């Protein structure tokens, strides 16, 4: 991949990261409980996918309308990897370093939400107790959990990157 193509992806990754970080800090300032809202996760995923696709499109435009599958996917992946790093780093900093009390509060609320969900789906009390035992001991904002979240997000985003790269690829018929 050309240096300018990598710089496009890197620039979009940094812009994505700053956008996600800003959204998360604003949510924290407004109401930290919103971190538990499903719509926030969906919105962040959609924003990330859009940035990845835009990066691939810009790469294609930079290459005069031709991009290989590898080039499109690399552009998508670099953008998403950089941006997603910001989105796992910010909650770690907010809830493990700056405001650990709010992190503990959110962990407790997450256990409550998990209990309600497991009861709604009809899980037995013994299974609920076992699930909550491990959930109650886990700090969802620790560096280890955030790293696992980062890796999981990269895997999920790879699926979207593969699909978008298949759609966007267009190889130059005159290339040797």
N, C-alpha and C. Protein backbone atom coordinates (compact mmCIF):
# COMPACT_ATOMS: atom_id res chain seq x y z
N UNK A 1 0.85 -1.16 0.00
CA UNK A 1 0.00 0.00 0.00
C UNK A 1 0.90 1.24 0.00
N UNK A 2 0.51 2.22 -0.78
CA UNK A 2 1.30 3.44 -0.88
C UNK A 2 1.28 4.22 0.43
N UNK A 3 2.33 5.02 0.59
CA UNK A 3 2.43 5.82 1.81
C UNK A 3 1.24 6.77 1.95
N UNK A 4 0.81 7.40 0.85
CA UNK A 4 -0.30 8.33 0.93
C UNK A 4 -1.60 7.62 1.30
N UNK A 5 -1.75 6.37 0.88
CA UNK A 5 -2.93 5.59 1.24
C UNK A 5 -2.94 5.32 2.74
N UNK A 6 -1.79 4.97 3.29
CA UNK A 6 -1.70 4.75 4.73
C UNK A 6 -1.98 6.03 5.49
N UNK A 7 -1.52 7.15 4.96
CA UNK A 7 -1.75 8.41 5.67
C UNK A 7 -3.24 8.78 5.65
N UNK A 8 -3.94 8.45 4.57
CA UNK A 8 -5.39 8.70 4.53
C UNK A 8 -6.06 7.90 5.64
N UNK A 9 -5.73 6.61 5.72
CA UNK A 9 -6.33 5.74 6.74
C UNK A 9 -5.96 6.20 8.15
N UNK A 10 -4.71 6.58 8.34
CA UNK A 10 -4.28 7.04 9.65
C UNK A 10 -4.99 8.33 10.05
N UNK A 11 -5.11 9.26 9.12
CA UNK A 11 -5.81 10.51 9.40
C UNK A 11 -7.27 10.26 9.76
N UNK A 12 -7.94 9.41 8.99
CA UNK A 12 -9.34 9.10 9.31
C UNK A 12 -9.45 8.35 10.64
N UNK A 13 -8.47 7.52 10.95
CA UNK A 13 -8.47 6.82 12.23
C UNK A 13 -8.35 7.78 13.41
N UNK A 14 -7.49 8.77 13.26
CA UNK A 14 -7.33 9.77 14.32
C UNK A 14 -8.60 10.62 14.46
N UNK A 15 -9.17 11.00 13.32
CA UNK A 15 -10.42 11.78 13.37
C UNK A 15 -11.53 10.94 14.01
N UNK A 16 -11.62 9.67 13.63
CA UNK A 16 -12.61 8.77 14.25
C UNK A 16 -12.36 8.67 15.74
N UNK A 17 -11.12 8.46 16.13
CA UNK A 17 -10.80 8.34 17.55
C UNK A 17 -11.18 9.58 18.35
N UNK A 18 -10.87 10.74 17.79
CA UNK A 18 -11.23 11.99 18.48
C UNK A 18 -12.74 12.17 18.54
N UNK A 19 -13.43 11.76 17.48
CA UNK A 19 -14.90 11.85 17.46
C UNK A 19 -15.49 10.93 18.54
N UNK A 20 -15.03 9.69 18.58
CA UNK A 20 -15.53 8.75 19.60
C UNK A 20 -15.19 9.22 21.01
N UNK A 21 -13.98 9.71 21.19
CA UNK A 21 -13.57 10.21 22.50
C UNK A 21 -14.45 11.38 22.94
N UNK A 22 -14.73 12.27 22.00
CA UNK A 22 -15.58 13.42 22.31
C UNK A 22 -16.98 12.97 22.70
N UNK A 23 -17.54 12.04 21.95
CA UNK A 23 -18.87 11.51 22.27
C UNK A 23 -18.87 10.91 23.66
N UNK A 24 -17.86 10.10 23.98
CA UNK A 24 -17.82 9.45 25.28
C UNK A 24 -17.64 10.43 26.43
N UNK A 25 -16.82 11.45 26.23
CA UNK A 25 -16.62 12.45 27.28
C UNK A 25 -17.90 13.28 27.48
N UNK A 26 -18.58 13.61 26.40
CA UNK A 26 -19.85 14.35 26.52
C UNK A 26 -20.89 13.50 27.24
N UNK A 27 -20.98 12.22 26.89
CA UNK A 27 -21.92 11.32 27.57
C UNK A 27 -21.57 11.26 29.06
N UNK A 28 -20.30 11.15 29.37
CA UNK A 28 -19.86 11.12 30.76
C UNK A 28 -20.28 12.40 31.48
N UNK A 29 -20.10 13.53 30.84
CA UNK A 29 -20.44 14.81 31.46
C UNK A 29 -21.95 14.96 31.65
N UNK A 30 -22.73 14.46 30.70
CA UNK A 30 -24.19 14.58 30.79
C UNK A 30 -24.78 13.63 31.82
N UNK A 31 -24.47 12.33 31.65
CA UNK A 31 -25.02 11.32 32.53
C UNK A 31 -24.27 10.01 32.32
N UNK A 32 -23.37 9.65 33.22
CA UNK A 32 -22.58 8.43 33.03
C UNK A 32 -23.41 7.15 32.87
N UNK A 33 -24.64 7.15 33.39
CA UNK A 33 -25.50 5.96 33.26
C UNK A 33 -25.83 5.67 31.79
N UNK A 34 -25.68 6.67 30.94
CA UNK A 34 -25.95 6.45 29.51
C UNK A 34 -24.95 5.47 28.90
N UNK A 35 -23.81 5.23 29.57
CA UNK A 35 -22.86 4.24 29.09
C UNK A 35 -23.48 2.84 29.05
N UNK A 36 -24.54 2.64 29.80
CA UNK A 36 -25.21 1.34 29.84
C UNK A 36 -26.33 1.22 28.80
N UNK A 37 -26.62 2.32 28.10
CA UNK A 37 -27.70 2.32 27.12
C UNK A 37 -27.28 1.59 25.85
N UNK A 38 -28.10 0.65 25.40
CA UNK A 38 -27.76 -0.08 24.17
C UNK A 38 -27.60 0.81 22.95
N UNK A 39 -28.36 1.88 22.87
CA UNK A 39 -28.29 2.76 21.70
C UNK A 39 -26.91 3.41 21.57
N UNK A 40 -26.23 3.62 22.68
CA UNK A 40 -24.89 4.23 22.61
C UNK A 40 -23.92 3.28 21.90
N UNK A 41 -23.96 2.03 22.28
CA UNK A 41 -23.09 1.05 21.62
C UNK A 41 -23.38 0.93 20.14
N UNK A 42 -24.66 0.90 19.80
CA UNK A 42 -25.05 0.81 18.39
C UNK A 42 -24.58 2.03 17.62
N UNK A 43 -24.75 3.21 18.22
CA UNK A 43 -24.33 4.45 17.56
C UNK A 43 -22.81 4.46 17.34
N UNK A 44 -22.05 4.03 18.34
CA UNK A 44 -20.59 4.03 18.20
C UNK A 44 -20.13 3.04 17.13
N UNK A 45 -20.79 1.90 17.06
CA UNK A 45 -20.47 0.91 16.02
C UNK A 45 -20.75 1.49 14.63
N UNK A 46 -21.91 2.11 14.48
CA UNK A 46 -22.27 2.69 13.18
C UNK A 46 -21.31 3.80 12.77
N UNK A 47 -20.95 4.67 13.70
CA UNK A 47 -20.00 5.74 13.40
C UNK A 47 -18.67 5.15 12.96
N UNK A 48 -18.23 4.12 13.65
CA UNK A 48 -16.95 3.48 13.32
C UNK A 48 -16.99 2.85 11.93
N UNK A 49 -18.05 2.15 11.62
CA UNK A 49 -18.18 1.52 10.30
C UNK A 49 -18.21 2.57 9.21
N UNK A 50 -18.95 3.65 9.42
CA UNK A 50 -19.03 4.72 8.41
C UNK A 50 -17.65 5.31 8.17
N UNK A 51 -16.91 5.58 9.22
CA UNK A 51 -15.56 6.14 9.04
C UNK A 51 -14.66 5.16 8.27
N UNK A 52 -14.76 3.88 8.58
CA UNK A 52 -13.96 2.89 7.88
C UNK A 52 -14.29 2.84 6.39
N UNK A 53 -15.57 2.90 6.07
CA UNK A 53 -16.00 2.88 4.67
C UNK A 53 -15.57 4.16 3.96
N UNK A 54 -15.73 5.29 4.62
CA UNK A 54 -15.31 6.56 4.01
C UNK A 54 -13.80 6.55 3.75
N UNK A 55 -13.05 5.99 4.66
CA UNK A 55 -11.60 5.89 4.47
C UNK A 55 -11.28 5.05 3.24
N UNK A 56 -11.97 3.94 3.07
CA UNK A 56 -11.75 3.09 1.89
C UNK A 56 -12.15 3.82 0.61
N UNK A 57 -13.24 4.56 0.66
CA UNK A 57 -13.69 5.33 -0.51
C UNK A 57 -12.66 6.41 -0.86
N UNK A 58 -12.14 7.09 0.14
CA UNK A 58 -11.11 8.11 -0.10
C UNK A 58 -9.84 7.48 -0.67
N UNK A 59 -9.51 6.30 -0.20
CA UNK A 59 -8.34 5.59 -0.74
C UNK A 59 -8.57 5.27 -2.21
N UNK A 60 -9.77 4.82 -2.52
CA UNK A 60 -10.11 4.51 -3.91
C UNK A 60 -10.03 5.75 -4.78
N UNK A 61 -10.54 6.88 -4.27
CA UNK A 61 -10.47 8.13 -5.02
C UNK A 61 -9.03 8.58 -5.21
N UNK A 62 -8.20 8.39 -4.20
CA UNK A 62 -6.79 8.76 -4.27
C UNK A 62 -6.07 7.96 -5.36
N UNK A 63 -6.54 6.74 -5.59
CA UNK A 63 -5.93 5.85 -6.58
C UNK A 63 -6.68 5.89 -7.91
N UNK A 64 -7.29 7.04 -8.20
CA UNK A 64 -7.99 7.26 -9.47
C UNK A 64 -9.14 6.29 -9.71
N UNK A 65 -9.84 5.92 -8.67
CA UNK A 65 -11.02 5.08 -8.80
C UNK A 65 -10.74 3.59 -8.81
N UNK A 66 -9.50 3.21 -8.59
CA UNK A 66 -9.14 1.80 -8.57
C UNK A 66 -8.53 1.46 -7.22
N UNK A 67 -9.01 0.39 -6.62
CA UNK A 67 -8.45 -0.07 -5.36
C UNK A 67 -8.59 -1.59 -5.30
N UNK A 68 -7.55 -2.23 -4.85
CA UNK A 68 -7.61 -3.68 -4.68
C UNK A 68 -8.41 -4.00 -3.42
N UNK A 69 -8.81 -5.24 -3.30
CA UNK A 69 -9.49 -5.69 -2.09
C UNK A 69 -8.60 -5.44 -0.88
N UNK A 70 -7.32 -5.77 -1.02
CA UNK A 70 -6.37 -5.59 0.07
C UNK A 70 -6.24 -4.11 0.45
N UNK A 71 -6.16 -3.25 -0.55
CA UNK A 71 -6.03 -1.81 -0.29
C UNK A 71 -7.24 -1.25 0.43
N UNK A 72 -8.44 -1.66 -0.03
CA UNK A 72 -9.66 -1.17 0.60
C UNK A 72 -9.77 -1.69 2.04
N UNK A 73 -9.46 -2.97 2.22
CA UNK A 73 -9.55 -3.55 3.56
C UNK A 73 -8.51 -2.95 4.49
N UNK A 74 -7.30 -2.75 4.00
CA UNK A 74 -6.24 -2.15 4.83
C UNK A 74 -6.64 -0.76 5.28
N UNK A 75 -7.20 0.01 4.38
CA UNK A 75 -7.63 1.36 4.72
C UNK A 75 -8.72 1.32 5.79
N UNK A 76 -9.70 0.44 5.60
CA UNK A 76 -10.78 0.27 6.57
C UNK A 76 -10.21 -0.14 7.92
N UNK A 77 -9.35 -1.16 7.92
CA UNK A 77 -8.85 -1.73 9.17
C UNK A 77 -7.98 -0.74 9.93
N UNK A 78 -7.10 -0.05 9.26
CA UNK A 78 -6.22 0.92 9.93
C UNK A 78 -7.07 2.00 10.60
N UNK A 79 -8.06 2.51 9.86
CA UNK A 79 -8.95 3.54 10.41
C UNK A 79 -9.67 3.04 11.65
N UNK A 80 -10.26 1.87 11.56
CA UNK A 80 -11.04 1.31 12.66
C UNK A 80 -10.15 0.94 13.85
N UNK A 81 -8.97 0.41 13.58
CA UNK A 81 -8.07 0.02 14.67
C UNK A 81 -7.64 1.24 15.49
N UNK A 82 -7.30 2.32 14.80
CA UNK A 82 -6.88 3.54 15.51
C UNK A 82 -8.06 4.15 16.25
N UNK A 83 -9.20 4.29 15.58
CA UNK A 83 -10.38 4.89 16.21
C UNK A 83 -10.89 4.09 17.40
N UNK A 84 -10.92 2.76 17.25
CA UNK A 84 -11.41 1.91 18.34
C UNK A 84 -10.49 1.96 19.55
N UNK A 85 -9.22 2.15 19.31
CA UNK A 85 -8.28 2.26 20.43
C UNK A 85 -8.67 3.43 21.33
N UNK A 86 -9.03 4.55 20.70
CA UNK A 86 -9.48 5.71 21.48
C UNK A 86 -10.73 5.36 22.29
N UNK A 87 -11.65 4.61 21.67
CA UNK A 87 -12.93 4.35 22.33
C UNK A 87 -12.83 3.34 23.47
N UNK A 88 -11.74 2.62 23.59
CA UNK A 88 -11.54 1.78 24.77
C UNK A 88 -10.60 2.45 25.78
N UNK A 89 -9.77 3.34 25.29
CA UNK A 89 -8.86 4.06 26.18
C UNK A 89 -9.60 5.09 27.04
N UNK A 90 -10.55 5.79 26.44
CA UNK A 90 -11.27 6.84 27.17
C UNK A 90 -12.05 6.29 28.37
N UNK A 91 -12.87 5.22 28.22
CA UNK A 91 -13.55 4.70 29.41
C UNK A 91 -12.57 4.21 30.48
N UNK A 92 -11.45 3.63 30.06
CA UNK A 92 -10.45 3.20 31.04
C UNK A 92 -9.95 4.40 31.84
N UNK A 93 -9.59 5.46 31.14
CA UNK A 93 -9.08 6.66 31.82
C UNK A 93 -10.16 7.27 32.71
N UNK A 94 -11.38 7.38 32.17
CA UNK A 94 -12.47 8.00 32.94
C UNK A 94 -12.81 7.22 34.21
N UNK A 95 -12.98 5.90 34.06
CA UNK A 95 -13.55 5.12 35.15
C UNK A 95 -12.54 4.32 35.98
N UNK A 96 -11.29 4.31 35.57
CA UNK A 96 -10.28 3.63 36.38
C UNK A 96 -9.29 4.61 36.99
N UNK A 97 -9.11 5.76 36.35
CA UNK A 97 -8.11 6.72 36.83
C UNK A 97 -8.78 7.98 37.37
N UNK A 98 -9.59 8.65 36.56
CA UNK A 98 -10.17 9.93 36.94
C UNK A 98 -11.31 9.79 37.95
N UNK A 99 -12.25 8.87 37.67
CA UNK A 99 -13.45 8.76 38.50
C UNK A 99 -13.79 7.29 38.76
N UNK A 100 -12.99 6.60 39.57
CA UNK A 100 -13.26 5.18 39.82
C UNK A 100 -14.58 4.91 40.54
N UNK A 101 -15.07 5.89 41.30
CA UNK A 101 -16.35 5.70 42.00
C UNK A 101 -17.49 5.51 40.99
N UNK A 102 -17.47 6.30 39.94
CA UNK A 102 -18.49 6.16 38.91
C UNK A 102 -18.33 4.82 38.18
N UNK A 103 -17.10 4.39 38.00
CA UNK A 103 -16.85 3.07 37.40
C UNK A 103 -17.45 1.96 38.25
N UNK A 104 -17.28 2.04 39.57
CA UNK A 104 -17.88 1.05 40.47
C UNK A 104 -19.40 1.09 40.40
N UNK A 105 -19.94 2.30 40.37
CA UNK A 105 -21.40 2.47 40.26
C UNK A 105 -21.92 1.84 38.98
N UNK A 106 -21.24 2.09 37.86
CA UNK A 106 -21.67 1.52 36.58
C UNK A 106 -21.54 0.00 36.57
N UNK A 107 -20.50 -0.53 37.21
CA UNK A 107 -20.36 -1.98 37.32
C UNK A 107 -21.54 -2.58 38.09
N UNK A 108 -21.95 -1.90 39.18
CA UNK A 108 -23.09 -2.38 39.97
C UNK A 108 -24.38 -2.32 39.16
N UNK A 109 -24.58 -1.22 38.43
CA UNK A 109 -25.78 -1.09 37.59
C UNK A 109 -25.80 -2.17 36.50
N UNK A 110 -24.63 -2.50 35.97
CA UNK A 110 -24.55 -3.52 34.94
C UNK A 110 -24.94 -4.88 35.50
N UNK A 111 -24.56 -5.17 36.74
CA UNK A 111 -24.95 -6.42 37.40
C UNK A 111 -26.47 -6.45 37.56
N UNK A 112 -27.07 -5.31 37.95
CA UNK A 112 -28.52 -5.24 38.09
C UNK A 112 -29.22 -5.47 36.75
N UNK A 113 -28.72 -4.83 35.70
CA UNK A 113 -29.31 -5.02 34.37
C UNK A 113 -29.17 -6.47 33.90
N UNK A 114 -28.03 -7.06 34.19
CA UNK A 114 -27.81 -8.46 33.82
C UNK A 114 -28.79 -9.36 34.56
N UNK A 115 -29.01 -9.11 35.84
CA UNK A 115 -29.95 -9.89 36.63
C UNK A 115 -31.35 -9.80 36.04
N UNK A 116 -31.78 -8.58 35.74
CA UNK A 116 -33.12 -8.38 35.15
C UNK A 116 -33.26 -9.11 33.82
N UNK A 117 -32.23 -9.02 33.00
CA UNK A 117 -32.27 -9.67 31.68
C UNK A 117 -32.34 -11.19 31.83
N UNK A 118 -31.52 -11.75 32.71
CA UNK A 118 -31.51 -13.19 32.90
C UNK A 118 -32.84 -13.69 33.47
N UNK A 119 -33.46 -12.90 34.34
CA UNK A 119 -34.77 -13.27 34.89
C UNK A 119 -35.84 -13.22 33.80
N UNK A 120 -35.77 -12.22 32.93
CA UNK A 120 -36.75 -12.09 31.85
C UNK A 120 -36.70 -13.25 30.87
N UNK A 121 -35.50 -13.79 30.63
CA UNK A 121 -35.40 -14.89 29.69
C UNK A 121 -35.67 -16.24 30.35
N UNK A 122 -35.95 -16.23 31.66
CA UNK A 122 -36.36 -17.44 32.36
C UNK A 122 -35.24 -18.33 32.82
N UNK A 123 -34.07 -17.77 33.05
CA UNK A 123 -32.95 -18.57 33.55
C UNK A 123 -33.19 -18.92 35.01
N UNK A 124 -32.77 -20.12 35.41
CA UNK A 124 -32.97 -20.56 36.80
C UNK A 124 -32.15 -19.69 37.75
N UNK A 125 -32.61 -19.63 39.00
CA UNK A 125 -31.93 -18.82 40.01
C UNK A 125 -30.49 -19.27 40.24
N UNK A 126 -30.25 -20.57 40.18
CA UNK A 126 -28.89 -21.09 40.39
C UNK A 126 -27.96 -20.62 39.28
N UNK A 127 -28.45 -20.64 38.05
CA UNK A 127 -27.63 -20.19 36.92
C UNK A 127 -27.41 -18.67 36.98
N UNK A 128 -28.43 -17.96 37.43
CA UNK A 128 -28.30 -16.50 37.57
C UNK A 128 -27.25 -16.19 38.63
N UNK A 129 -27.30 -16.89 39.76
CA UNK A 129 -26.32 -16.68 40.83
C UNK A 129 -24.90 -16.92 40.34
N UNK A 130 -24.71 -17.99 39.57
CA UNK A 130 -23.38 -18.32 39.05
C UNK A 130 -22.90 -17.24 38.07
N UNK A 131 -23.78 -16.79 37.20
CA UNK A 131 -23.42 -15.75 36.23
C UNK A 131 -23.08 -14.44 36.93
N UNK A 132 -23.86 -14.11 37.95
CA UNK A 132 -23.64 -12.85 38.66
C UNK A 132 -22.40 -12.88 39.54
N UNK A 133 -22.02 -14.07 39.98
CA UNK A 133 -20.81 -14.18 40.80
C UNK A 133 -19.60 -13.69 40.03
N UNK A 134 -19.45 -14.15 38.81
CA UNK A 134 -18.30 -13.72 38.00
C UNK A 134 -18.48 -12.28 37.52
N UNK A 135 -19.71 -11.90 37.19
CA UNK A 135 -19.95 -10.54 36.73
C UNK A 135 -19.70 -9.52 37.83
N UNK A 136 -20.05 -9.87 39.06
CA UNK A 136 -19.86 -8.96 40.19
C UNK A 136 -18.40 -8.75 40.55
N UNK A 137 -17.57 -9.73 40.24
CA UNK A 137 -16.14 -9.62 40.56
C UNK A 137 -15.34 -8.90 39.49
N UNK A 138 -15.93 -8.73 38.33
CA UNK A 138 -15.21 -8.17 37.19
C UNK A 138 -15.32 -6.64 37.15
N UNK A 139 -14.19 -5.99 36.94
CA UNK A 139 -14.17 -4.54 36.73
C UNK A 139 -14.21 -4.31 35.22
N UNK A 140 -15.35 -3.88 34.72
CA UNK A 140 -15.54 -3.72 33.28
C UNK A 140 -14.68 -2.62 32.67
N UNK A 141 -14.05 -1.82 33.49
CA UNK A 141 -13.23 -0.72 32.99
C UNK A 141 -11.74 -0.93 33.25
N UNK A 142 -11.37 -2.14 33.65
CA UNK A 142 -9.95 -2.44 33.86
C UNK A 142 -9.24 -2.51 32.51
N UNK A 143 -7.93 -2.40 32.53
CA UNK A 143 -7.16 -2.43 31.29
C UNK A 143 -7.30 -3.77 30.58
N UNK A 144 -7.39 -4.86 31.34
CA UNK A 144 -7.54 -6.18 30.74
C UNK A 144 -8.86 -6.34 30.01
N UNK A 145 -9.93 -5.93 30.66
CA UNK A 145 -11.26 -6.03 30.03
C UNK A 145 -11.34 -5.10 28.83
N UNK A 146 -10.76 -3.91 28.95
CA UNK A 146 -10.79 -2.97 27.82
C UNK A 146 -9.98 -3.52 26.64
N UNK A 147 -8.87 -4.19 26.92
CA UNK A 147 -8.08 -4.81 25.84
C UNK A 147 -8.87 -5.93 25.16
N UNK A 148 -9.57 -6.75 25.95
CA UNK A 148 -10.42 -7.79 25.37
C UNK A 148 -11.52 -7.18 24.52
N UNK A 149 -12.10 -6.10 24.99
CA UNK A 149 -13.14 -5.40 24.24
C UNK A 149 -12.58 -4.89 22.92
N UNK A 150 -11.38 -4.34 22.97
CA UNK A 150 -10.72 -3.83 21.76
C UNK A 150 -10.53 -4.95 20.74
N UNK A 151 -10.01 -6.09 21.18
CA UNK A 151 -9.80 -7.21 20.26
C UNK A 151 -11.11 -7.72 19.69
N UNK A 152 -12.13 -7.83 20.52
CA UNK A 152 -13.44 -8.29 20.06
C UNK A 152 -14.01 -7.32 19.02
N UNK A 153 -13.89 -6.02 19.28
CA UNK A 153 -14.38 -5.03 18.31
C UNK A 153 -13.65 -5.14 16.99
N UNK A 154 -12.34 -5.34 17.04
CA UNK A 154 -11.58 -5.48 15.79
C UNK A 154 -12.07 -6.67 14.98
N UNK A 155 -12.35 -7.77 15.64
CA UNK A 155 -12.85 -8.95 14.94
C UNK A 155 -14.21 -8.66 14.29
N UNK A 156 -15.11 -8.03 15.04
CA UNK A 156 -16.42 -7.71 14.50
C UNK A 156 -16.30 -6.73 13.34
N UNK A 157 -15.47 -5.71 13.50
CA UNK A 157 -15.32 -4.73 12.43
C UNK A 157 -14.65 -5.31 11.20
N UNK A 158 -13.84 -6.35 11.38
CA UNK A 158 -13.23 -7.01 10.22
C UNK A 158 -14.30 -7.57 9.28
N UNK A 159 -15.37 -8.09 9.85
CA UNK A 159 -16.46 -8.62 9.02
C UNK A 159 -17.03 -7.51 8.14
N UNK A 160 -17.29 -6.35 8.74
CA UNK A 160 -17.81 -5.23 7.97
C UNK A 160 -16.78 -4.72 6.97
N UNK A 161 -15.52 -4.74 7.37
CA UNK A 161 -14.44 -4.33 6.47
C UNK A 161 -14.32 -5.25 5.27
N UNK A 162 -14.45 -6.55 5.49
CA UNK A 162 -14.38 -7.50 4.39
C UNK A 162 -15.53 -7.29 3.40
N UNK A 163 -16.72 -7.10 3.93
CA UNK A 163 -17.88 -6.88 3.07
C UNK A 163 -17.73 -5.59 2.27
N UNK A 164 -17.39 -4.50 2.95
CA UNK A 164 -17.26 -3.22 2.24
C UNK A 164 -16.12 -3.25 1.23
N UNK A 165 -15.05 -3.96 1.55
CA UNK A 165 -13.92 -4.05 0.62
C UNK A 165 -14.29 -4.84 -0.64
N UNK A 166 -15.10 -5.87 -0.46
CA UNK A 166 -15.59 -6.62 -1.62
C UNK A 166 -16.43 -5.73 -2.53
N UNK A 167 -17.22 -4.89 -1.93
CA UNK A 167 -18.09 -3.99 -2.70
C UNK A 167 -17.27 -2.90 -3.39
N UNK A 168 -16.28 -2.36 -2.69
CA UNK A 168 -15.52 -1.21 -3.21
C UNK A 168 -14.39 -1.57 -4.17
N UNK A 169 -13.91 -2.80 -4.12
CA UNK A 169 -12.74 -3.14 -4.92
C UNK A 169 -13.02 -2.93 -6.42
N UNK A 170 -12.04 -2.38 -7.06
CA UNK A 170 -12.11 -2.20 -8.52
C UNK A 170 -10.67 -2.09 -8.98
N UNK A 171 -10.23 -3.15 -9.63
CA UNK A 171 -8.84 -3.21 -10.06
C UNK A 171 -8.68 -2.59 -11.43
N UNK A 172 -7.54 -1.96 -11.61
CA UNK A 172 -7.21 -1.30 -12.88
C UNK A 172 -6.95 -2.37 -13.95
N UNK A 173 -7.75 -2.39 -15.01
CA UNK A 173 -7.54 -3.41 -16.06
C UNK A 173 -6.22 -3.19 -16.82
N UNK A 174 -5.65 -2.00 -16.76
CA UNK A 174 -4.42 -1.69 -17.45
C UNK A 174 -3.18 -1.99 -16.62
N UNK A 175 -3.38 -2.37 -15.36
CA UNK A 175 -2.25 -2.65 -14.48
C UNK A 175 -1.61 -3.99 -14.88
N UNK A 176 -0.32 -4.04 -14.76
CA UNK A 176 0.40 -5.26 -15.18
C UNK A 176 0.47 -6.26 -14.07
